[in-house]
Amino acid sequence: MLTTKVTKKGQITIPLEYRKEFNLYIGTVVKIKKSRDGLIIEKPKKDIMSLKGAWKDIPEKVFKDMRKSWSSWNDKSFA
């Protein structure tokens, strides 16, 4: 078990070993919940709604090219 200190702003540092193991990067959102034994920090599971707006800055030409590629696929491509 690794330990860390709470700063006067209420922040903690997650040790590098754990950040690497759980792919926690700058800006990664985590959930903190209370349990009978203390606090639990976890990465929320991704859901489809987390993708909302993710492609908003992609030019229309890129979408046209993607649609063209997708339309040339058929079920046999995945067999």
C-alpha atoms as a PDB file:
ATOM      1  CA  MET A   1       0.000   0.000   0.000  1.00  0.00           C
ATOM      2  CA  LEU A   2       1.292   3.463  -0.896  1.00  0.00           C
ATOM      3  CA  THR A   3       0.549   6.603   1.075  1.00  0.00           C
ATOM      4  CA  THR A   4       0.016  10.236   0.099  1.00  0.00           C
ATOM      5  CA  LYS A   5      -0.659  13.509   1.911  1.00  0.00           C
ATOM      6  CA  VAL A   6      -3.680  15.805   1.681  1.00  0.00           C
ATOM      7  CA  THR A   7      -2.661  19.397   0.817  1.00  0.00           C
ATOM      8  CA  LYS A   8      -4.220  22.457   2.419  1.00  0.00           C
ATOM      9  CA  LYS A   9      -6.409  22.742  -0.715  1.00  0.00           C
ATOM     10  CA  GLY A  10      -7.742  19.221  -0.044  1.00  0.00           C
ATOM     11  CA  GLN A  11      -5.828  17.701  -2.965  1.00  0.00           C
ATOM     12  CA  ILE A  12      -3.938  14.422  -3.014  1.00  0.00           C
ATOM     13  CA  THR A  13      -1.355  13.019  -5.393  1.00  0.00           C
ATOM     14  CA  ILE A  14      -2.061   9.583  -6.795  1.00  0.00           C
ATOM     15  CA  PRO A  15       1.303   7.786  -6.861  1.00  0.00           C
ATOM     16  CA  LEU A  16       2.850   7.385 -10.324  1.00  0.00           C
ATOM     17  CA  GLU A  17       2.750   3.597 -10.084  1.00  0.00           C
ATOM     18  CA  TYR A  18      -1.068   3.690  -9.775  1.00  0.00           C
ATOM     19  CA  ARG A  19      -1.500   6.425 -12.403  1.00  0.00           C
ATOM     20  CA  LYS A  20       0.349   4.250 -14.910  1.00  0.00           C
ATOM     21  CA  GLU A  21      -1.465   1.052 -13.946  1.00  0.00           C
ATOM     22  CA  PHE A  22      -4.915   2.645 -14.225  1.00  0.00           C
ATOM     23  CA  ASN A  23      -4.166   5.006 -17.149  1.00  0.00           C
ATOM     24  CA  LEU A  24      -4.810   8.173 -15.166  1.00  0.00           C
ATOM     25  CA  TYR A  25      -3.606  11.188 -17.131  1.00  0.00           C
ATOM     26  CA  ILE A  26      -4.003  14.952 -16.734  1.00  0.00           C
ATOM     27  CA  GLY A  27      -7.704  15.668 -17.017  1.00  0.00           C
ATOM     28  CA  THR A  28      -8.853  12.107 -16.282  1.00  0.00           C
ATOM     29  CA  VAL A  29     -12.120  12.218 -14.341  1.00  0.00           C
ATOM     30  CA  VAL A  30     -12.395   9.936 -11.320  1.00  0.00           C
ATOM     31  CA  LYS A  31     -15.244   9.187  -8.929  1.00  0.00           C
ATOM     32  CA  ILE A  32     -14.766   9.317  -5.184  1.00  0.00           C
ATOM     33  CA  LYS A  33     -17.265   7.531  -3.023  1.00  0.00           C
ATOM     34  CA  LYS A  34     -17.574   6.798   0.621  1.00  0.00           C
ATOM     35  CA  SER A  35     -17.561   3.233   1.878  1.00  0.00           C
ATOM     36  CA  ARG A  36     -17.799   1.747   5.319  1.00  0.00           C
ATOM     37  CA  ASP A  37     -14.010   1.375   5.405  1.00  0.00           C
ATOM     38  CA  GLY A  38     -13.002   4.716   3.887  1.00  0.00           C
ATOM     39  CA  LEU A  39     -12.921   6.318   0.442  1.00  0.00           C
ATOM     40  CA  ILE A  40     -12.918   4.583  -2.923  1.00  0.00           C
ATOM     41  CA  ILE A  41     -11.463   6.276  -6.007  1.00  0.00           C
ATOM     42  CA  GLU A  42     -12.447   4.776  -9.357  1.00  0.00           C
ATOM     43  CA  LYS A  43     -12.520   5.646 -13.033  1.00  0.00           C
ATOM     44  CA  PRO A  44     -16.082   5.865 -14.294  1.00  0.00           C
ATOM     45  CA  LYS A  45     -17.015   3.371 -16.971  1.00  0.00           C
ATOM     46  CA  LYS A  46     -17.380   4.876 -20.431  1.00  0.00           C
ATOM     47  CA  ASP A  47     -20.844   5.010 -21.899  1.00  0.00           C
ATOM     48  CA  ILE A  48     -22.095   6.106 -25.291  1.00  0.00           C
ATOM     49  CA  MET A  49     -23.132   9.534 -23.970  1.00  0.00           C
ATOM     50  CA  SER A  50     -19.521  10.329 -23.109  1.00  0.00           C
ATOM     51  CA  LEU A  51     -18.870  10.523 -26.864  1.00  0.00           C
ATOM     52  CA  LYS A  52     -21.420  13.306 -27.393  1.00  0.00           C
ATOM     53  CA  GLY A  53     -19.761  16.152 -29.283  1.00  0.00           C
ATOM     54  CA  ALA A  54     -16.479  14.282 -29.723  1.00  0.00           C
ATOM     55  CA  TRP A  55     -16.525  14.727 -33.515  1.00  0.00           C
ATOM     56  CA  LYS A  56     -17.922  18.257 -33.649  1.00  0.00           C
ATOM     57  CA  ASP A  57     -14.684  19.773 -35.014  1.00  0.00           C
ATOM     58  CA  ILE A  58     -14.103  17.219 -37.783  1.00  0.00           C
ATOM     59  CA  PRO A  59     -14.574  18.749 -41.260  1.00  0.00           C
ATOM     60  CA  GLU A  60     -17.537  17.548 -43.345  1.00  0.00           C
ATOM     61  CA  LYS A  61     -15.136  16.235 -46.034  1.00  0.00           C
ATOM     62  CA  VAL A  62     -13.753  13.717 -43.549  1.00  0.00           C
ATOM     63  CA  PHE A  63     -17.288  12.460 -42.821  1.00  0.00           C
ATOM     64  CA  LYS A  64     -18.008  12.140 -46.551  1.00  0.00           C
ATOM     65  CA  ASP A  65     -14.833  10.092 -47.030  1.00  0.00           C
ATOM     66  CA  MET A  66     -15.740   7.894 -44.049  1.00  0.00           C
ATOM     67  CA  ARG A  67     -19.276   7.313 -45.331  1.00  0.00           C
ATOM     68  CA  LYS A  68     -17.849   6.368 -48.724  1.00  0.00           C
ATOM     69  CA  SER A  69     -15.486   3.836 -47.106  1.00  0.00           C
ATOM     70  CA  TRP A  70     -18.215   2.422 -44.870  1.00  0.00           C
ATOM     71  CA  SER A  71     -20.652   2.036 -47.745  1.00  0.00           C
ATOM     72  CA  SER A  72     -18.133  -0.131 -49.613  1.00  0.00           C
ATOM     73  CA  TRP A  73     -17.996  -2.598 -46.710  1.00  0.00           C
ATOM     74  CA  ASN A  74     -20.298  -5.556 -46.535  1.00  0.00           C
ATOM     75  CA  ASP A  75     -20.984  -8.365 -44.080  1.00  0.00           C
ATOM     76  CA  LYS A  76     -18.377 -10.552 -45.786  1.00  0.00           C
ATOM     77  CA  SER A  77     -15.645  -8.102 -44.731  1.00  0.00           C
ATOM     78  CA  PHE A  78     -16.085  -9.166 -41.120  1.00  0.00           C
ATOM     79  CA  ALA A  79     -16.388 -12.932 -41.641  1.00  0.00           C
END
